Amino acid sequence: MPFIHLQTNMQLSQDKKEQVLTDLTDLIAKDLNKPSRFIMTRFSDDQVMMFADSAEPLVFIELRSIRLPAGQTGKLSQSLTAFVDHNLGVKGNRLFINFMDFEPPMWGHNGSTF
């Protein structure tokens, strides 16, 4: 049910993108205690993006989920910031994260909603 989209202005190899997506799935599954079979990930690299009037490497993350616990967003922010630093070398001051919570009827899958 969670969907995470990582966007960056950096260009990465196909292998690196796939590894980041796999590792991101594992991280979200652990942090949200959700089965990985329900986690969708998207990686958009080589985007035309700027932050603070600079085109230095940056990352924007969107995390959407059904009943995303607001009390966990601080921990998720720490976890995702560490992940981005470790895997992409982008520091937290060059990263924004949006958390979006959805009620089950607003999330469709396999011809139905949750």
PDB file of N, CA and C in Angstrom:
ATOM      1  N   MET A   1       0.793  -1.189   0.000  1.00  0.00           N
ATOM      2  CA  MET A   1       0.000   0.000   0.000  1.00  0.00           C
ATOM      3  C   MET A   1       0.845   1.268   0.000  1.00  0.00           C
ATOM      4  N   PRO A   2       1.999   1.267   0.653  1.00  0.00           N
ATOM      5  CA  PRO A   2       2.823   2.471   0.536  1.00  0.00           C
ATOM      6  C   PRO A   2       3.373   2.650  -0.875  1.00  0.00           C
ATOM      7  N   PHE A   3       3.467   3.904  -1.275  1.00  0.00           N
ATOM      8  CA  PHE A   3       4.101   4.289  -2.533  1.00  0.00           C
ATOM      9  C   PHE A   3       5.155   5.326  -2.188  1.00  0.00           C
ATOM     10  N   ILE A   4       6.378   5.092  -2.634  1.00  0.00           N
ATOM     11  CA  ILE A   4       7.445   6.052  -2.397  1.00  0.00           C
ATOM     12  C   ILE A   4       8.091   6.405  -3.727  1.00  0.00           C
ATOM     13  N   HIS A   5       8.246   7.701  -3.952  1.00  0.00           N
ATOM     14  CA  HIS A   5       8.825   8.222  -5.180  1.00  0.00           C
ATOM     15  C   HIS A   5      10.025   9.083  -4.812  1.00  0.00           C
ATOM     16  N   LEU A   6      11.188   8.689  -5.267  1.00  0.00           N
ATOM     17  CA  LEU A   6      12.415   9.426  -5.033  1.00  0.00           C
ATOM     18  C   LEU A   6      12.819  10.093  -6.338  1.00  0.00           C
ATOM     19  N   GLN A   7      12.977  11.410  -6.306  1.00  0.00           N
ATOM     20  CA  GLN A   7      13.394  12.186  -7.472  1.00  0.00           C
ATOM     21  C   GLN A   7      14.726  12.863  -7.169  1.00  0.00           C
ATOM     22  N   THR A   8      15.579  12.920  -8.169  1.00  0.00           N
ATOM     23  CA  THR A   8      16.872  13.571  -7.993  1.00  0.00           C
ATOM     24  C   THR A   8      17.344  14.182  -9.308  1.00  0.00           C
ATOM     25  N   ASN A   9      18.218  15.145  -9.196  1.00  0.00           N
ATOM     26  CA  ASN A   9      18.822  15.729 -10.387  1.00  0.00           C
ATOM     27  C   ASN A   9      20.108  14.999 -10.777  1.00  0.00           C
ATOM     28  N   MET A  10      20.477  13.985 -10.021  1.00  0.00           N
ATOM     29  CA  MET A  10      21.651  13.174 -10.328  1.00  0.00           C
ATOM     30  C   MET A  10      21.287  12.126 -11.383  1.00  0.00           C
ATOM     31  N   GLN A  11      22.285  11.694 -12.142  1.00  0.00           N
ATOM     32  CA  GLN A  11      22.073  10.620 -13.107  1.00  0.00           C
ATOM     33  C   GLN A  11      22.753   9.363 -12.575  1.00  0.00           C
ATOM     34  N   LEU A  12      22.005   8.263 -12.518  1.00  0.00           N
ATOM     35  CA  LEU A  12      22.526   7.010 -11.984  1.00  0.00           C
ATOM     36  C   LEU A  12      22.422   5.901 -13.024  1.00  0.00           C
ATOM     37  N   SER A  13      23.256   4.896 -12.869  1.00  0.00           N
ATOM     38  CA  SER A  13      23.193   3.734 -13.752  1.00  0.00           C
ATOM     39  C   SER A  13      21.926   2.940 -13.458  1.00  0.00           C
ATOM     40  N   GLN A  14      21.514   2.128 -14.405  1.00  0.00           N
ATOM     41  CA  GLN A  14      20.333   1.287 -14.229  1.00  0.00           C
ATOM     42  C   GLN A  14      20.506   0.354 -13.032  1.00  0.00           C
ATOM     43  N   ASP A  15      21.683  -0.234 -12.895  1.00  0.00           N
ATOM     44  CA  ASP A  15      21.944  -1.126 -11.765  1.00  0.00           C
ATOM     45  C   ASP A  15      21.804  -0.403 -10.436  1.00  0.00           C
ATOM     46  N   LYS A  16      22.340   0.818 -10.357  1.00  0.00           N
ATOM     47  CA  LYS A  16      22.253   1.596  -9.118  1.00  0.00           C
ATOM     48  C   LYS A  16      20.799   1.952  -8.808  1.00  0.00           C
ATOM     49  N   LYS A  17      20.043   2.332  -9.821  1.00  0.00           N
ATOM     50  CA  LYS A  17      18.626   2.658  -9.612  1.00  0.00           C
ATOM     51  C   LYS A  17      17.862   1.448  -9.076  1.00  0.00           C
ATOM     52  N   GLU A  18      18.084   0.292  -9.658  1.00  0.00           N
ATOM     53  CA  GLU A  18      17.390  -0.916  -9.214  1.00  0.00           C
ATOM     54  C   GLU A  18      17.787  -1.288  -7.791  1.00  0.00           C
ATOM     55  N   GLN A  19      19.067  -1.107  -7.449  1.00  0.00           N
ATOM     56  CA  GLN A  19      19.516  -1.400  -6.092  1.00  0.00           C
ATOM     57  C   GLN A  19      18.887  -0.441  -5.089  1.00  0.00           C
ATOM     58  N   VAL A  20      18.818   0.842  -5.443  1.00  0.00           N
ATOM     59  CA  VAL A  20      18.184   1.833  -4.567  1.00  0.00           C
ATOM     60  C   VAL A  20      16.715   1.480  -4.360  1.00  0.00           C
ATOM     61  N   LEU A  21      16.013   1.104  -5.424  1.00  0.00           N
ATOM     62  CA  LEU A  21      14.592   0.743  -5.299  1.00  0.00           C
ATOM     63  C   LEU A  21      14.405  -0.480  -4.408  1.00  0.00           C
ATOM     64  N   THR A  22      15.240  -1.481  -4.564  1.00  0.00           N
ATOM     65  CA  THR A  22      15.166  -2.685  -3.736  1.00  0.00           C
ATOM     66  C   THR A  22      15.421  -2.345  -2.270  1.00  0.00           C
ATOM     67  N   ASP A  23      16.472  -1.573  -2.024  1.00  0.00           N
ATOM     68  CA  ASP A  23      16.813  -1.206  -0.650  1.00  0.00           C
ATOM     69  C   ASP A  23      15.760  -0.289  -0.039  1.00  0.00           C
ATOM     70  N   LEU A  24      15.177   0.585  -0.843  1.00  0.00           N
ATOM     71  CA  LEU A  24      14.123   1.476  -0.369  1.00  0.00           C
ATOM     72  C   LEU A  24      12.875   0.680   0.010  1.00  0.00           C
ATOM     73  N   THR A  25      12.535  -0.321  -0.775  1.00  0.00           N
ATOM     74  CA  THR A  25      11.413  -1.204  -0.451  1.00  0.00           C
ATOM     75  C   THR A  25      11.642  -1.879   0.897  1.00  0.00           C
ATOM     76  N   ASP A  26      12.846  -2.409   1.096  1.00  0.00           N
ATOM     77  CA  ASP A  26      13.174  -3.069   2.362  1.00  0.00           C
ATOM     78  C   ASP A  26      13.070  -2.105   3.536  1.00  0.00           C
ATOM     79  N   LEU A  27      13.551  -0.880   3.356  1.00  0.00           N
ATOM     80  CA  LEU A  27      13.511   0.128   4.420  1.00  0.00           C
ATOM     81  C   LEU A  27      12.077   0.476   4.803  1.00  0.00           C
ATOM     82  N   ILE A  28      11.231   0.732   3.799  1.00  0.00           N
ATOM     83  CA  ILE A  28       9.845   1.105   4.062  1.00  0.00           C
ATOM     84  C   ILE A  28       9.077  -0.069   4.672  1.00  0.00           C
ATOM     85  N   ALA A  29       9.337  -1.274   4.191  1.00  0.00           N
ATOM     86  CA  ALA A  29       8.686  -2.461   4.759  1.00  0.00           C
ATOM     87  C   ALA A  29       9.017  -2.576   6.247  1.00  0.00           C
ATOM     88  N   LYS A  30      10.268  -2.348   6.590  1.00  0.00           N
ATOM     89  CA  LYS A  30      10.687  -2.442   7.992  1.00  0.00           C
ATOM     90  C   LYS A  30      10.109  -1.285   8.803  1.00  0.00           C
ATOM     91  N   ASP A  31      10.265  -0.065   8.324  1.00  0.00           N
ATOM     92  CA  ASP A  31       9.852   1.114   9.091  1.00  0.00           C
ATOM     93  C   ASP A  31       8.336   1.208   9.273  1.00  0.00           C
ATOM     94  N   LEU A  32       7.575   0.752   8.278  1.00  0.00           N
ATOM     95  CA  LEU A  32       6.114   0.826   8.369  1.00  0.00           C
ATOM     96  C   LEU A  32       5.468  -0.517   8.726  1.00  0.00           C
ATOM     97  N   ASN A  33       6.310  -1.546   8.871  1.00  0.00           N
ATOM     98  CA  ASN A  33       5.816  -2.881   9.188  1.00  0.00           C
ATOM     99  C   ASN A  33       4.753  -3.329   8.186  1.00  0.00           C
ATOM    100  N   LYS A  34       5.092  -3.172   6.902  1.00  0.00           N
ATOM    101  CA  LYS A  34       4.202  -3.562   5.804  1.00  0.00           C
ATOM    102  C   LYS A  34       4.897  -4.622   4.962  1.00  0.00           C
ATOM    103  N   PRO A  35       4.138  -5.557   4.394  1.00  0.00           N
ATOM    104  CA  PRO A  35       4.763  -6.555   3.515  1.00  0.00           C
ATOM    105  C   PRO A  35       5.282  -5.899   2.229  1.00  0.00           C
ATOM    106  N   SER A  36       6.466  -6.289   1.815  1.00  0.00           N
ATOM    107  CA  SER A  36       7.080  -5.680   0.626  1.00  0.00           C
ATOM    108  C   SER A  36       6.252  -5.908  -0.631  1.00  0.00           C
ATOM    109  N   ARG A  37       5.418  -6.940  -0.653  1.00  0.00           N
ATOM    110  CA  ARG A  37       4.609  -7.207  -1.848  1.00  0.00           C
ATOM    111  C   ARG A  37       3.570  -6.110  -2.103  1.00  0.00           C
ATOM    112  N   PHE A  38       3.312  -5.253  -1.112  1.00  0.00           N
ATOM    113  CA  PHE A  38       2.364  -4.156  -1.279  1.00  0.00           C
ATOM    114  C   PHE A  38       3.044  -2.796  -1.442  1.00  0.00           C
ATOM    115  N   ILE A  39       4.373  -2.771  -1.508  1.00  0.00           N
ATOM    116  CA  ILE A  39       5.096  -1.500  -1.592  1.00  0.00           C
ATOM    117  C   ILE A  39       5.488  -1.237  -3.041  1.00  0.00           C
ATOM    118  N   MET A  40       5.113  -0.052  -3.535  1.00  0.00           N
ATOM    119  CA  MET A  40       5.483   0.369  -4.883  1.00  0.00           C
ATOM    120  C   MET A  40       6.533   1.477  -4.759  1.00  0.00           C
ATOM    121  N   THR A  41       7.594   1.359  -5.536  1.00  0.00           N
ATOM    122  CA  THR A  41       8.657   2.362  -5.520  1.00  0.00           C
ATOM    123  C   THR A  41       8.861   2.918  -6.925  1.00  0.00           C
ATOM    124  N   ARG A  42       9.274   4.160  -6.964  1.00  0.00           N
ATOM    125  CA  ARG A  42       9.570   4.807  -8.237  1.00  0.00           C
ATOM    126  C   ARG A  42      10.821   5.657  -8.046  1.00  0.00           C
ATOM    127  N   PHE A  43      11.696   5.603  -9.020  1.00  0.00           N
ATOM    128  CA  PHE A  43      12.931   6.388  -8.976  1.00  0.00           C
ATOM    129  C   PHE A  43      13.014   7.218 -10.253  1.00  0.00           C
ATOM    130  N   SER A  44      13.088   8.511 -10.099  1.00  0.00           N
ATOM    131  CA  SER A  44      13.231   9.415 -11.254  1.00  0.00           C
ATOM    132  C   SER A  44      14.555  10.149 -11.107  1.00  0.00           C
ATOM    133  N   ASP A  45      15.502   9.780 -11.947  1.00  0.00           N
ATOM    134  CA  ASP A  45      16.798  10.456 -11.891  1.00  0.00           C
ATOM    135  C   ASP A  45      16.938  11.420 -13.063  1.00  0.00           C
ATOM    136  N   ASP A  46      18.013  12.172 -13.064  1.00  0.00           N
ATOM    137  CA  ASP A  46      18.341  13.119 -14.133  1.00  0.00           C
ATOM    138  C   ASP A  46      17.215  14.142 -14.359  1.00  0.00           C
ATOM    139  N   GLN A  47      16.555  14.549 -13.253  1.00  0.00           N
ATOM    140  CA  GLN A  47      15.486  15.538 -13.324  1.00  0.00           C
ATOM    141  C   GLN A  47      16.075  16.950 -13.303  1.00  0.00           C
ATOM    142  N   VAL A  48      15.419  17.860 -13.954  1.00  0.00           N
ATOM    143  CA  VAL A  48      15.838  19.259 -13.909  1.00  0.00           C
ATOM    144  C   VAL A  48      15.238  19.845 -12.637  1.00  0.00           C
ATOM    145  N   MET A  49      16.095  20.021 -11.620  1.00  0.00           N
ATOM    146  CA  MET A  49      15.645  20.463 -10.301  1.00  0.00           C
ATOM    147  C   MET A  49      16.685  21.392  -9.696  1.00  0.00           C
ATOM    148  N   MET A  50      16.200  22.342  -8.906  1.00  0.00           N
ATOM    149  CA  MET A  50      17.085  23.225  -8.145  1.00  0.00           C
ATOM    150  C   MET A  50      16.530  23.372  -6.734  1.00  0.00           C
ATOM    151  N   PHE A  51      17.423  23.651  -5.801  1.00  0.00           N
ATOM    152  CA  PHE A  51      17.046  23.915  -4.418  1.00  0.00           C
ATOM    153  C   PHE A  51      17.968  25.005  -3.896  1.00  0.00           C
ATOM    154  N   ALA A  52      17.392  26.035  -3.311  1.00  0.00           N
ATOM    155  CA  ALA A  52      18.162  27.162  -2.764  1.00  0.00           C
ATOM    156  C   ALA A  52      19.061  27.781  -3.843  1.00  0.00           C
ATOM    157  N   ASP A  53      18.494  27.980  -5.030  1.00  0.00           N
ATOM    158  CA  ASP A  53      19.219  28.582  -6.158  1.00  0.00           C
ATOM    159  C   ASP A  53      20.461  27.800  -6.573  1.00  0.00           C
ATOM    160  N   SER A  54      20.451  26.481  -6.336  1.00  0.00           N
ATOM    161  CA  SER A  54      21.607  25.658  -6.666  1.00  0.00           C
ATOM    162  C   SER A  54      21.163  24.364  -7.339  1.00  0.00           C
ATOM    163  N   ALA A  55      21.905  23.950  -8.354  1.00  0.00           N
ATOM    164  CA  ALA A  55      21.665  22.678  -9.034  1.00  0.00           C
ATOM    165  C   ALA A  55      22.580  21.574  -8.497  1.00  0.00           C
ATOM    166  N   GLU A  56      23.202  21.806  -7.346  1.00  0.00           N
ATOM    167  CA  GLU A  56      23.986  20.747  -6.704  1.00  0.00           C
ATOM    168  C   GLU A  56      23.061  19.557  -6.447  1.00  0.00           C
ATOM    169  N   PRO A  57      23.621  18.343  -6.279  1.00  0.00           N
ATOM    170  CA  PRO A  57      22.769  17.173  -6.069  1.00  0.00           C
ATOM    171  C   PRO A  57      21.735  17.382  -4.965  1.00  0.00           C
ATOM    172  N   LEU A  58      20.501  16.952  -5.274  1.00  0.00           N
ATOM    173  CA  LEU A  58      19.390  17.086  -4.343  1.00  0.00           C
ATOM    174  C   LEU A  58      18.431  15.928  -4.533  1.00  0.00           C
ATOM    175  N   VAL A  59      17.546  15.761  -3.544  1.00  0.00           N
ATOM    176  CA  VAL A  59      16.564  14.681  -3.583  1.00  0.00           C
ATOM    177  C   VAL A  59      15.234  15.205  -3.055  1.00  0.00           C
ATOM    178  N   PHE A  60      14.153  14.783  -3.691  1.00  0.00           N
ATOM    179  CA  PHE A  60      12.793  15.025  -3.211  1.00  0.00           C
ATOM    180  C   PHE A  60      12.102  13.681  -3.115  1.00  0.00           C
ATOM    181  N   ILE A  61      11.504  13.393  -1.953  1.00  0.00           N
ATOM    182  CA  ILE A  61      10.830  12.116  -1.721  1.00  0.00           C
ATOM    183  C   ILE A  61       9.370  12.375  -1.387  1.00  0.00           C
ATOM    184  N   GLU A  62       8.498  11.583  -2.005  1.00  0.00           N
ATOM    185  CA  GLU A  62       7.086  11.551  -1.653  1.00  0.00           C
ATOM    186  C   GLU A  62       6.794  10.161  -1.100  1.00  0.00           C
ATOM    187  N   LEU A  63       6.236  10.100   0.101  1.00  0.00           N
ATOM    188  CA  LEU A  63       5.816   8.834   0.692  1.00  0.00           C
ATOM    189  C   LEU A  63       4.324   8.908   0.956  1.00  0.00           C
ATOM    190  N   ARG A  64       3.581   8.047   0.295  1.00  0.00           N
ATOM    191  CA  ARG A  64       2.122   7.985   0.443  1.00  0.00           C
ATOM    192  C   ARG A  64       1.763   6.617   1.004  1.00  0.00           C
ATOM    193  N   SER A  65       0.779   6.608   1.891  1.00  0.00           N
ATOM    194  CA  SER A  65       0.348   5.330   2.437  1.00  0.00           C
ATOM    195  C   SER A  65      -1.025   5.463   3.065  1.00  0.00           C
ATOM    196  N   ILE A  66      -1.707   4.346   3.157  1.00  0.00           N
ATOM    197  CA  ILE A  66      -2.965   4.291   3.885  1.00  0.00           C
ATOM    198  C   ILE A  66      -2.654   4.385   5.371  1.00  0.00           C
ATOM    199  N   ARG A  67      -3.348   5.309   6.027  1.00  0.00           N
ATOM    200  CA  ARG A  67      -3.193   5.501   7.475  1.00  0.00           C
ATOM    201  C   ARG A  67      -1.729   5.626   7.889  1.00  0.00           C
ATOM    202  N   LEU A  68      -0.994   6.467   7.186  1.00  0.00           N
ATOM    203  CA  LEU A  68       0.393   6.751   7.542  1.00  0.00           C
ATOM    204  C   LEU A  68       0.401   7.405   8.925  1.00  0.00           C
ATOM    205  N   PRO A  69       1.047   6.793   9.893  1.00  0.00           N
ATOM    206  CA  PRO A  69       1.002   7.332  11.248  1.00  0.00           C
ATOM    207  C   PRO A  69       1.791   8.643  11.378  1.00  0.00           C
ATOM    208  N   ALA A  70       1.080   9.732  11.686  1.00  0.00           N
ATOM    209  CA  ALA A  70       1.724  11.040  11.823  1.00  0.00           C
ATOM    210  C   ALA A  70       2.808  11.011  12.895  1.00  0.00           C
ATOM    211  N   GLY A  71       2.627  10.191  13.906  1.00  0.00           N
ATOM    212  CA  GLY A  71       3.614  10.090  14.974  1.00  0.00           C
ATOM    213  C   GLY A  71       4.917   9.428  14.557  1.00  0.00           C
ATOM    214  N   GLN A  72       4.945   8.827  13.378  1.00  0.00           N
ATOM    215  CA  GLN A  72       6.149   8.158  12.888  1.00  0.00           C
ATOM    216  C   GLN A  72       6.910   8.980  11.849  1.00  0.00           C
ATOM    217  N   THR A  73       6.366  10.116  11.427  1.00  0.00           N
ATOM    218  CA  THR A  73       7.018  10.845  10.336  1.00  0.00           C
ATOM    219  C   THR A  73       8.404  11.355  10.722  1.00  0.00           C
ATOM    220  N   GLY A  74       8.607  11.704  11.979  1.00  0.00           N
ATOM    221  CA  GLY A  74       9.941  12.135  12.412  1.00  0.00           C
ATOM    222  C   GLY A  74      10.958  11.020  12.265  1.00  0.00           C
ATOM    223  N   LYS A  75      10.586   9.820  12.714  1.00  0.00           N
ATOM    224  CA  LYS A  75      11.477   8.660  12.584  1.00  0.00           C
ATOM    225  C   LYS A  75      11.698   8.305  11.109  1.00  0.00           C
ATOM    226  N   LEU A  76      10.623   8.374  10.321  1.00  0.00           N
ATOM    227  CA  LEU A  76      10.745   8.101   8.887  1.00  0.00           C
ATOM    228  C   LEU A  76      11.665   9.117   8.219  1.00  0.00           C
ATOM    229  N   SER A  77      11.555  10.372   8.617  1.00  0.00           N
ATOM    230  CA  SER A  77      12.412  11.412   8.054  1.00  0.00           C
ATOM    231  C   SER A  77      13.881  11.122   8.363  1.00  0.00           C
ATOM    232  N   GLN A  78      14.168  10.723   9.596  1.00  0.00           N
ATOM    233  CA  GLN A  78      15.539  10.370   9.965  1.00  0.00           C
ATOM    234  C   GLN A  78      16.043   9.183   9.153  1.00  0.00           C
ATOM    235  N   SER A  79      15.204   8.165   9.045  1.00  0.00           N
ATOM    236  CA  SER A  79      15.571   6.948   8.331  1.00  0.00           C
ATOM    237  C   SER A  79      15.817   7.218   6.844  1.00  0.00           C
ATOM    238  N   LEU A  80      14.919   7.977   6.216  1.00  0.00           N
ATOM    239  CA  LEU A  80      15.070   8.291   4.791  1.00  0.00           C
ATOM    240  C   LEU A  80      16.261   9.214   4.538  1.00  0.00           C
ATOM    241  N   THR A  81      16.504  10.146   5.445  1.00  0.00           N
ATOM    242  CA  THR A  81      17.662  11.040   5.306  1.00  0.00           C
ATOM    243  C   THR A  81      18.960  10.238   5.369  1.00  0.00           C
ATOM    244  N   ALA A  82      19.064   9.321   6.318  1.00  0.00           N
ATOM    245  CA  ALA A  82      20.244   8.465   6.417  1.00  0.00           C
ATOM    246  C   ALA A  82      20.391   7.587   5.176  1.00  0.00           C
ATOM    247  N   PHE A  83      19.270   7.073   4.677  1.00  0.00           N
ATOM    248  CA  PHE A  83      19.287   6.237   3.474  1.00  0.00           C
ATOM    249  C   PHE A  83      19.836   7.014   2.273  1.00  0.00           C
ATOM    250  N   VAL A  84      19.340   8.232   2.068  1.00  0.00           N
ATOM    251  CA  VAL A  84      19.763   9.058   0.935  1.00  0.00           C
ATOM    252  C   VAL A  84      21.241   9.418   1.055  1.00  0.00           C
ATOM    253  N   ASP A  85      21.677   9.753   2.254  1.00  0.00           N
ATOM    254  CA  ASP A  85      23.088  10.089   2.472  1.00  0.00           C
ATOM    255  C   ASP A  85      23.972   8.886   2.163  1.00  0.00           C
ATOM    256  N   HIS A  86      23.588   7.723   2.691  1.00  0.00           N
ATOM    257  CA  HIS A  86      24.392   6.509   2.508  1.00  0.00           C
ATOM    258  C   HIS A  86      24.394   6.020   1.055  1.00  0.00           C
ATOM    259  N   ASN A  87      23.242   6.034   0.398  1.00  0.00           N
ATOM    260  CA  ASN A  87      23.122   5.447  -0.942  1.00  0.00           C
ATOM    261  C   ASN A  87      23.397   6.410  -2.091  1.00  0.00           C
ATOM    262  N   LEU A  88      23.156   7.705  -1.875  1.00  0.00           N
ATOM    263  CA  LEU A  88      23.327   8.672  -2.959  1.00  0.00           C
ATOM    264  C   LEU A  88      24.334   9.769  -2.619  1.00  0.00           C
ATOM    265  N   GLY A  89      24.760   9.836  -1.378  1.00  0.00           N
ATOM    266  CA  GLY A  89      25.716  10.856  -0.972  1.00  0.00           C
ATOM    267  C   GLY A  89      25.135  12.260  -0.885  1.00  0.00           C
ATOM    268  N   VAL A  90      23.808  12.353  -0.762  1.00  0.00           N
ATOM    269  CA  VAL A  90      23.141  13.648  -0.658  1.00  0.00           C
ATOM    270  C   VAL A  90      22.799  13.881   0.819  1.00  0.00           C
ATOM    271  N   LYS A  91      23.266  14.994   1.358  1.00  0.00           N
ATOM    272  CA  LYS A  91      23.044  15.328   2.766  1.00  0.00           C
ATOM    273  C   LYS A  91      21.617  15.821   2.989  1.00  0.00           C
ATOM    274  N   GLY A  92      21.197  15.769   4.232  1.00  0.00           N
ATOM    275  CA  GLY A  92      19.839  16.134   4.611  1.00  0.00           C
ATOM    276  C   GLY A  92      19.446  17.558   4.291  1.00  0.00           C
ATOM    277  N   ASN A  93      20.421  18.453   4.201  1.00  0.00           N
ATOM    278  CA  ASN A  93      20.096  19.844   3.872  1.00  0.00           C
ATOM    279  C   ASN A  93      19.811  20.052   2.389  1.00  0.00           C
ATOM    280  N   ARG A  94      19.884  18.972   1.601  1.00  0.00           N
ATOM    281  CA  ARG A  94      19.558  19.007   0.174  1.00  0.00           C
ATOM    282  C   ARG A  94      18.419  18.034  -0.130  1.00  0.00           C
ATOM    283  N   LEU A  95      17.556  17.810   0.858  1.00  0.00           N
ATOM    284  CA  LEU A  95      16.497  16.809   0.760  1.00  0.00           C
ATOM    285  C   LEU A  95      15.212  17.367   1.347  1.00  0.00           C
ATOM    286  N   PHE A  96      14.111  17.178   0.617  1.00  0.00           N
ATOM    287  CA  PHE A  96      12.767  17.430   1.129  1.00  0.00           C
ATOM    288  C   PHE A  96      12.001  16.118   1.083  1.00  0.00           C
ATOM    289  N   ILE A  97      11.104  15.920   2.057  1.00  0.00           N
ATOM    290  CA  ILE A  97      10.257  14.732   2.110  1.00  0.00           C
ATOM    291  C   ILE A  97       8.825  15.180   2.356  1.00  0.00           C
ATOM    292  N   ASN A  98       7.903  14.682   1.553  1.00  0.00           N
ATOM    293  CA  ASN A  98       6.468  14.897   1.779  1.00  0.00           C
ATOM    294  C   ASN A  98       5.847  13.580   2.212  1.00  0.00           C
ATOM    295  N   PHE A  99       5.072  13.634   3.279  1.00  0.00           N
ATOM    296  CA  PHE A  99       4.333  12.481   3.762  1.00  0.00           C
ATOM    297  C   PHE A  99       2.857  12.714   3.490  1.00  0.00           C
ATOM    298  N   MET A 100       2.202  11.735   2.876  1.00  0.00           N
ATOM    299  CA  MET A 100       0.787  11.856   2.549  1.00  0.00           C
ATOM    300  C   MET A 100       0.017  10.646   3.067  1.00  0.00           C
ATOM    301  N   ASP A 101      -1.021  10.933   3.844  1.00  0.00           N
ATOM    302  CA  ASP A 101      -1.849   9.910   4.458  1.00  0.00           C
ATOM    303  C   ASP A 101      -3.160   9.782   3.682  1.00  0.00           C
ATOM    304  N   PHE A 102      -3.607   8.558   3.462  1.00  0.00           N
ATOM    305  CA  PHE A 102      -4.855   8.304   2.751  1.00  0.00           C
ATOM    306  C   PHE A 102      -5.737   7.367   3.569  1.00  0.00           C
ATOM    307  N   GLU A 103      -7.034   7.594   3.501  1.00  0.00           N
ATOM    308  CA  GLU A 103      -8.002   6.680   4.093  1.00  0.00           C
ATOM    309  C   GLU A 103      -8.178   5.497   3.130  1.00  0.00           C
ATOM    310  N   PRO A 104      -8.466   4.296   3.634  1.00  0.00           N
ATOM    311  CA  PRO A 104      -8.575   3.110   2.786  1.00  0.00           C
ATOM    312  C   PRO A 104      -9.471   3.249   1.556  1.00  0.00           C
ATOM    313  N   PRO A 105     -10.633   3.913   1.618  1.00  0.00           N
ATOM    314  CA  PRO A 105     -11.458   4.004   0.409  1.00  0.00           C
ATOM    315  C   PRO A 105     -10.831   4.873  -0.697  1.00  0.00           C
ATOM    316  N   MET A 106      -9.783   5.612  -0.370  1.00  0.00           N
ATOM    317  CA  MET A 106      -9.134   6.491  -1.350  1.00  0.00           C
ATOM    318  C   MET A 106      -7.927   5.821  -2.014  1.00  0.00           C
ATOM    319  N   TRP A 107      -7.750   4.526  -1.800  1.00  0.00           N
ATOM    320  CA  TRP A 107      -6.605   3.805  -2.355  1.00  0.00           C
ATOM    321  C   TRP A 107      -7.121   2.561  -3.059  1.00  0.00           C
ATOM    322  N   GLY A 108      -6.965   2.504  -4.380  1.00  0.00           N
ATOM    323  CA  GLY A 108      -7.452   1.378  -5.160  1.00  0.00           C
ATOM    324  C   GLY A 108      -6.355   0.378  -5.478  1.00  0.00           C
ATOM    325  N   HIS A 109      -6.762  -0.876  -5.621  1.00  0.00           N
ATOM    326  CA  HIS A 109      -5.830  -1.952  -5.997  1.00  0.00           C
ATOM    327  C   HIS A 109      -6.639  -3.154  -6.464  1.00  0.00           C
ATOM    328  N   ASN A 110      -6.270  -3.683  -7.611  1.00  0.00           N
ATOM    329  CA  ASN A 110      -6.829  -4.937  -8.092  1.00  0.00           C
ATOM    330  C   ASN A 110      -8.363  -4.881  -8.218  1.00  0.00           C
ATOM    331  N   GLY A 111      -8.875  -3.760  -8.709  1.00  0.00           N
ATOM    332  CA  GLY A 111     -10.302  -3.618  -8.960  1.00  0.00           C
ATOM    333  C   GLY A 111     -11.151  -3.288  -7.742  1.00  0.00           C
ATOM    334  N   SER A 112     -10.503  -2.957  -6.634  1.00  0.00           N
ATOM    335  CA  SER A 112     -11.237  -2.642  -5.409  1.00  0.00           C
ATOM    336  C   SER A 112     -10.491  -1.536  -4.650  1.00  0.00           C
ATOM    337  N   THR A 113     -10.955  -1.238  -3.468  1.00  0.00           N
ATOM    338  CA  THR A 113     -10.232  -0.322  -2.583  1.00  0.00           C
ATOM    339  C   THR A 113      -9.974  -1.049  -1.267  1.00  0.00           C
ATOM    340  N   PHE A 114      -9.131  -0.445  -0.460  1.00  0.00           N
ATOM    341  CA  PHE A 114      -8.816  -1.051   0.835  1.00  0.00           C
ATOM    342  C   PHE A 114      -9.838  -0.629   1.865  1.00  0.00           C
TER     343      PHE A 114
END
